[in-house]
């Protein structure tokens, strides 16, 4: 497994692999890898990637001024060991200075799918996500990239960016990996104590508790009460069309339930398809 800290050197390596007919997959992460991330690497392998590049970069541009950039968990040594065990071909470990020039002034902004949900509550977040992912696409030049369904809105925003900017990259969305309790795997779960983890399970129960044919407004009220009664602070509960992320009035098969809530000081998200 090769380890790169230089974007130019990784780009040169990837271009050489492409010239030799190798099929490249990119798995973008912010590190603190868990089973969910490792399932993305496994998905890349199942999709017949010859080379699997895992990026590990806590992207400062997608964090707001009062968010957890400084304390976001970083476990570089353990992450590299996990990537090696998962048989990743290469890992990209850039510094912020490597990714962003001191006078950088160009950003990528999606203006429709990113407006609601987490985008409404985290101004600038998806601008940061799109910008760093676009940079990674340009550095690696993958045939396809693998993202997790847990960040459902993010996956849809990236798909739109790829479509509208003609990247020519396939976006693969891998299923959510959950703990035995049902709690969605997340690097931020490391912030939770045992009691908070038990309470946070209500999010997975909530997204599984909506049926086709229900009135969306009634279902959302019920889910919000479930989450509040469990001692979490509900941020949003929405039921949307899977591609447009627009609110629906009556729940249909294929619609998506998305929830966000604070458990203690930790903001968690979850989702599920009807």
Protein backbone atom coordinates (compact mmCIF):
# COMPACT_ATOMS: atom_id res chain seq x y z
CA UNK A 1 0.00 0.00 0.00
CA UNK A 2 1.44 3.34 -1.07
CA UNK A 3 1.03 6.47 1.08
CA UNK A 4 0.95 9.90 -0.54
CA UNK A 5 0.99 13.33 1.08
CA UNK A 6 1.63 15.19 -2.17
CA UNK A 7 -1.27 15.81 -4.55
CA UNK A 8 1.10 16.11 -7.51
CA UNK A 9 2.77 12.77 -6.79
CA UNK A 10 -0.56 10.98 -6.33
CA UNK A 11 -1.87 12.53 -9.53
CA UNK A 12 1.19 11.35 -11.45
CA UNK A 13 0.85 7.83 -10.00
CA UNK A 14 -2.86 7.64 -10.86
CA UNK A 15 -2.31 8.89 -14.42
CA UNK A 16 0.33 6.23 -14.96
CA UNK A 17 -2.07 3.56 -13.67
CA UNK A 18 -4.79 4.83 -16.02
CA UNK A 19 -2.41 4.75 -18.99
CA UNK A 20 -1.82 1.10 -18.17
CA UNK A 21 -5.54 0.40 -18.27
CA UNK A 22 -6.07 0.13 -14.53
CA UNK A 23 -9.56 0.85 -13.16
CA UNK A 24 -9.34 3.28 -10.23
CA UNK A 25 -11.82 3.75 -7.38
CA UNK A 26 -11.74 6.63 -4.91
CA UNK A 27 -13.06 6.35 -1.36
CA UNK A 28 -13.08 9.85 0.19
CA UNK A 29 -13.07 9.94 4.02
CA UNK A 30 -12.24 12.22 6.91
CA UNK A 31 -10.53 9.40 8.78
CA UNK A 32 -11.29 7.85 12.16
CA UNK A 33 -12.23 4.85 10.05
CA UNK A 34 -14.88 2.39 11.18
CA UNK A 35 -16.76 -0.53 9.64
CA UNK A 36 -18.83 1.85 7.53
CA UNK A 37 -15.73 3.24 5.82
CA UNK A 38 -14.27 -0.24 5.39
CA UNK A 39 -17.50 -1.34 3.70
CA UNK A 40 -16.88 1.40 1.10
CA UNK A 41 -13.48 -0.10 0.33
CA UNK A 42 -15.09 -3.53 0.05
CA UNK A 43 -17.73 -2.08 -2.28
CA UNK A 44 -14.95 -0.68 -4.49
CA UNK A 45 -13.39 -4.13 -4.64
CA UNK A 46 -16.71 -5.77 -5.55
CA UNK A 47 -17.07 -3.22 -8.34
CA UNK A 48 -13.83 -4.57 -9.84
CA UNK A 49 -11.48 -1.71 -9.06
CA UNK A 50 -7.85 -2.53 -9.82
CA UNK A 51 -6.62 0.33 -7.64
CA UNK A 52 -8.46 1.65 -4.57
CA UNK A 53 -7.38 5.09 -3.36
CA UNK A 54 -8.60 6.11 0.11
CA UNK A 55 -8.30 9.79 0.97
CA UNK A 56 -8.06 10.75 4.64
CA UNK A 57 -8.51 14.47 5.10
CA UNK A 58 -10.41 16.47 7.70
CA UNK A 59 -11.51 19.24 5.38
CA UNK A 60 -11.50 22.62 7.16
CA UNK A 61 -13.56 24.28 4.44
CA UNK A 62 -16.69 22.27 5.23
CA UNK A 63 -16.74 23.13 8.95
CA UNK A 64 -18.46 26.23 10.30
CA UNK A 65 -16.77 28.56 12.83
CA UNK A 66 -18.58 26.97 15.80
CA UNK A 67 -18.29 23.33 14.66
CA UNK A 68 -15.95 20.57 15.74
CA UNK A 69 -13.05 20.88 13.25
CA UNK A 70 -10.39 21.21 15.96
CA UNK A 71 -11.60 18.23 17.98
CA UNK A 72 -12.76 16.01 15.12
CA UNK A 73 -11.24 12.58 15.85
CA UNK A 74 -7.96 11.88 14.07
CA UNK A 75 -6.40 8.41 14.24
CA UNK A 76 -3.85 8.33 11.43
CA UNK A 77 -1.84 5.31 12.58
CA UNK A 78 -4.93 3.17 13.20
CA UNK A 79 -6.50 4.36 9.93
CA UNK A 80 -3.46 3.30 7.91
CA UNK A 81 -3.49 -0.12 9.55
CA UNK A 82 -7.18 -0.54 8.69
CA UNK A 83 -6.62 0.54 5.09
CA UNK A 84 -3.75 -1.91 4.76
CA UNK A 85 -5.84 -4.73 6.19
CA UNK A 86 -8.71 -3.83 3.84
CA UNK A 87 -6.24 -4.02 0.93
CA UNK A 88 -6.48 -0.45 -0.23
CA UNK A 89 -3.91 0.26 -2.93
CA UNK A 90 -3.05 3.79 -1.87
CA UNK A 91 -3.87 6.29 0.86
CA UNK A 92 -3.81 10.05 0.37
CA UNK A 93 -2.98 11.96 3.56
CA UNK A 94 -2.68 15.63 2.59
CA UNK A 95 -2.29 18.57 4.93
CA UNK A 96 -4.64 21.57 4.66
CA UNK A 97 -1.74 23.54 3.13
CA UNK A 98 -1.34 20.86 0.46
CA UNK A 99 -5.02 21.04 -0.46
CA UNK A 100 -5.53 24.81 -0.25
CA UNK A 101 -3.13 27.55 -1.24
CA UNK A 102 -2.91 30.36 1.28
CA UNK A 103 -4.74 32.65 -1.16
CA UNK A 104 -7.18 30.08 -2.57
CA UNK A 105 -10.34 31.74 -3.86
CA UNK A 106 -12.22 29.20 -6.01
CA UNK A 107 -15.09 27.12 -4.64
CA UNK A 108 -17.66 24.74 -6.09
CA UNK A 109 -21.24 25.46 -5.06
CA UNK A 110 -24.37 23.39 -5.72
CA UNK A 111 -27.41 25.62 -5.33
CA UNK A 112 -30.53 23.43 -5.19
CA UNK A 113 -30.13 20.10 -3.41
CA UNK A 114 -27.87 21.65 -0.78
CA UNK A 115 -30.35 24.32 0.35
CA UNK A 116 -32.40 22.35 2.87
CA UNK A 117 -31.75 19.73 5.56
CA UNK A 118 -28.11 19.88 6.71
CA UNK A 119 -27.32 22.59 4.18
CA UNK A 120 -29.79 24.97 5.83
CA UNK A 121 -28.32 24.32 9.26
CA UNK A 122 -24.65 24.31 8.28
CA UNK A 123 -24.13 27.31 5.99
CA UNK A 124 -21.22 26.76 3.62
CA UNK A 125 -20.91 23.06 4.48
CA UNK A 126 -21.76 21.69 1.05
CA UNK A 127 -19.70 24.34 -0.68
CA UNK A 128 -16.76 22.91 1.25
CA UNK A 129 -17.76 19.33 0.45
CA UNK A 130 -18.15 19.98 -3.27
CA UNK A 131 -14.88 21.89 -3.43
CA UNK A 132 -12.77 19.21 -1.76
CA UNK A 133 -14.44 16.35 -3.64
CA UNK A 134 -13.92 18.15 -6.96
CA UNK A 135 -10.25 18.56 -6.07
CA UNK A 136 -9.96 14.87 -5.17
CA UNK A 137 -11.62 13.92 -8.47
CA UNK A 138 -9.10 16.06 -10.35
CA UNK A 139 -6.14 14.64 -8.43
CA UNK A 140 -7.12 10.97 -8.64
CA UNK A 141 -9.16 10.87 -11.85
CA UNK A 142 -11.12 7.82 -10.67
CA UNK A 143 -13.42 5.71 -12.80
CA UNK A 144 -15.84 5.69 -9.88
CA UNK A 145 -16.07 6.96 -6.31
CA UNK A 146 -17.84 5.34 -3.36
CA UNK A 147 -19.85 7.31 -0.81
CA UNK A 148 -22.00 6.13 2.11
CA UNK A 149 -25.78 6.39 2.23
CA UNK A 150 -25.65 7.72 5.80
CA UNK A 151 -24.77 11.11 4.32
CA UNK A 152 -27.71 10.89 1.92
CA UNK A 153 -27.94 14.57 1.05
CA UNK A 154 -24.20 14.71 0.44
CA UNK A 155 -24.38 11.79 -1.99
CA UNK A 156 -27.17 13.48 -3.95
CA UNK A 157 -25.27 16.78 -4.05
CA UNK A 158 -22.14 15.03 -5.33
CA UNK A 159 -24.15 13.19 -7.99
CA UNK A 160 -25.57 16.52 -9.17
CA UNK A 161 -22.11 18.11 -9.23
CA UNK A 162 -20.74 15.22 -11.30
CA UNK A 163 -23.66 15.48 -13.72
CA UNK A 164 -23.62 19.25 -14.12
CA UNK A 165 -19.83 19.63 -14.39
CA UNK A 166 -19.33 16.60 -16.68
CA UNK A 167 -16.81 14.81 -14.49
CA UNK A 168 -17.51 11.48 -16.19
CA UNK A 169 -17.19 9.62 -12.89
CA UNK A 170 -19.67 7.04 -11.63
CA UNK A 171 -20.93 7.63 -8.09
CA UNK A 172 -21.64 4.48 -6.10
CA UNK A 173 -23.67 4.83 -2.88
CA UNK A 174 -23.08 2.02 -0.38
CA UNK A 175 -25.65 1.03 2.29
CA UNK A 176 -25.50 2.32 5.88
CA UNK A 177 -23.55 0.11 8.26
CA UNK A 178 -25.08 -0.06 11.72
CA UNK A 179 -24.05 -1.17 15.17
CA UNK A 180 -25.93 -4.15 16.63
CA UNK A 181 -28.26 -1.70 18.36
CA UNK A 182 -29.21 -0.14 15.03
CA UNK A 183 -27.22 3.07 15.56
CA UNK A 184 -25.66 4.19 12.28
CA UNK A 185 -21.87 3.96 12.31
CA UNK A 186 -20.28 7.40 12.49
CA UNK A 187 -16.91 8.81 13.49
CA UNK A 188 -18.81 11.19 15.77
CA UNK A 189 -20.14 8.22 17.76
CA UNK A 190 -16.80 8.36 19.59
CA UNK A 191 -18.13 11.49 21.32
CA UNK A 192 -21.03 9.55 22.88
CA UNK A 193 -21.00 7.90 26.29
CA UNK A 194 -22.85 4.61 26.77
CA UNK A 195 -26.06 6.25 27.95
CA UNK A 196 -26.07 8.60 24.96
CA UNK A 197 -25.49 5.68 22.60
CA UNK A 198 -28.53 3.93 24.03
CA UNK A 199 -30.69 7.04 23.57
CA UNK A 200 -29.36 7.68 20.07
CA UNK A 201 -30.77 4.36 18.83
CA UNK A 202 -34.13 6.14 18.58
CA UNK A 203 -32.95 7.70 15.31
CA UNK A 204 -32.75 4.34 13.51
CA UNK A 205 -36.10 3.36 14.99
CA UNK A 206 -37.60 6.60 13.78
CA UNK A 207 -36.45 6.26 10.16
CA UNK A 208 -37.74 2.68 10.10
CA UNK A 209 -41.12 3.71 11.48
CA UNK A 210 -42.72 5.27 8.42
CA UNK A 211 -44.90 3.38 5.96
CA UNK A 212 -46.03 4.14 2.41
CA UNK A 213 -49.50 5.65 2.33
CA UNK A 214 -49.11 7.76 5.47
CA UNK A 215 -49.58 11.50 5.47
CA UNK A 216 -46.10 12.97 5.73
CA UNK A 217 -47.06 15.71 8.20
CA UNK A 218 -48.53 13.21 10.68
CA UNK A 219 -45.57 10.86 10.32
CA UNK A 220 -43.11 13.67 10.92
CA UNK A 221 -44.93 14.79 14.07
CA UNK A 222 -44.84 11.23 15.38
CA UNK A 223 -41.12 10.82 14.68
CA UNK A 224 -40.24 14.17 16.22
CA UNK A 225 -42.08 13.15 19.39
CA UNK A 226 -40.22 9.81 19.46
CA UNK A 227 -36.88 11.58 19.23
CA UNK A 228 -37.75 14.27 21.78
CA UNK A 229 -39.16 11.70 24.22
CA UNK A 230 -35.86 9.79 24.05
CA UNK A 231 -34.06 12.86 25.37
CA UNK A 232 -32.54 14.07 22.10
CA UNK A 233 -32.88 17.58 20.73
CA UNK A 234 -34.51 17.23 17.32
CA UNK A 235 -32.95 19.30 14.55
CA UNK A 236 -35.11 18.13 11.67
CA UNK A 237 -37.38 15.31 10.56
CA UNK A 238 -38.14 15.31 6.84
CA UNK A 239 -39.64 12.95 4.27
CA UNK A 240 -38.48 13.73 0.75
CA UNK A 241 -38.42 12.56 -2.82
CA UNK A 242 -35.21 10.51 -3.28
CA UNK A 243 -33.72 12.47 -6.20
CA UNK A 244 -34.97 16.04 -5.77
CA UNK A 245 -35.00 16.08 -1.94
CA UNK A 246 -38.30 17.95 -2.12
CA UNK A 247 -40.83 17.47 0.68
CA UNK A 248 -43.67 15.06 -0.02
CA UNK A 249 -47.23 15.30 1.29
CA UNK A 250 -48.10 11.61 1.12
CA UNK A 251 -45.44 8.97 1.71
CA UNK A 252 -44.65 6.76 -1.27
CA UNK A 253 -42.45 3.73 -1.67
CA UNK A 254 -38.95 4.94 -2.46
CA UNK A 255 -39.24 8.19 -0.52
CA UNK A 256 -36.53 8.92 2.05
CA UNK A 257 -36.89 9.72 5.75
CA UNK A 258 -34.07 11.95 7.02
CA UNK A 259 -33.49 12.93 10.63
CA UNK A 260 -30.93 14.98 12.52
CA UNK A 261 -30.73 15.50 16.26
CA UNK A 262 -28.35 16.38 19.05
CA UNK A 263 -27.57 13.69 21.59
CA UNK A 264 -25.86 15.55 24.37
CA UNK A 265 -23.49 17.85 22.49
CA UNK A 266 -23.17 15.57 19.46
CA UNK A 267 -25.14 16.13 16.28
CA UNK A 268 -26.15 12.87 14.59
CA UNK A 269 -27.92 12.11 11.32
CA UNK A 270 -29.69 9.06 9.94
CA UNK A 271 -31.95 8.14 7.07
CA UNK A 272 -33.88 5.31 5.51
CA UNK A 273 -35.80 4.58 2.34
CA UNK A 274 -39.47 3.63 2.54
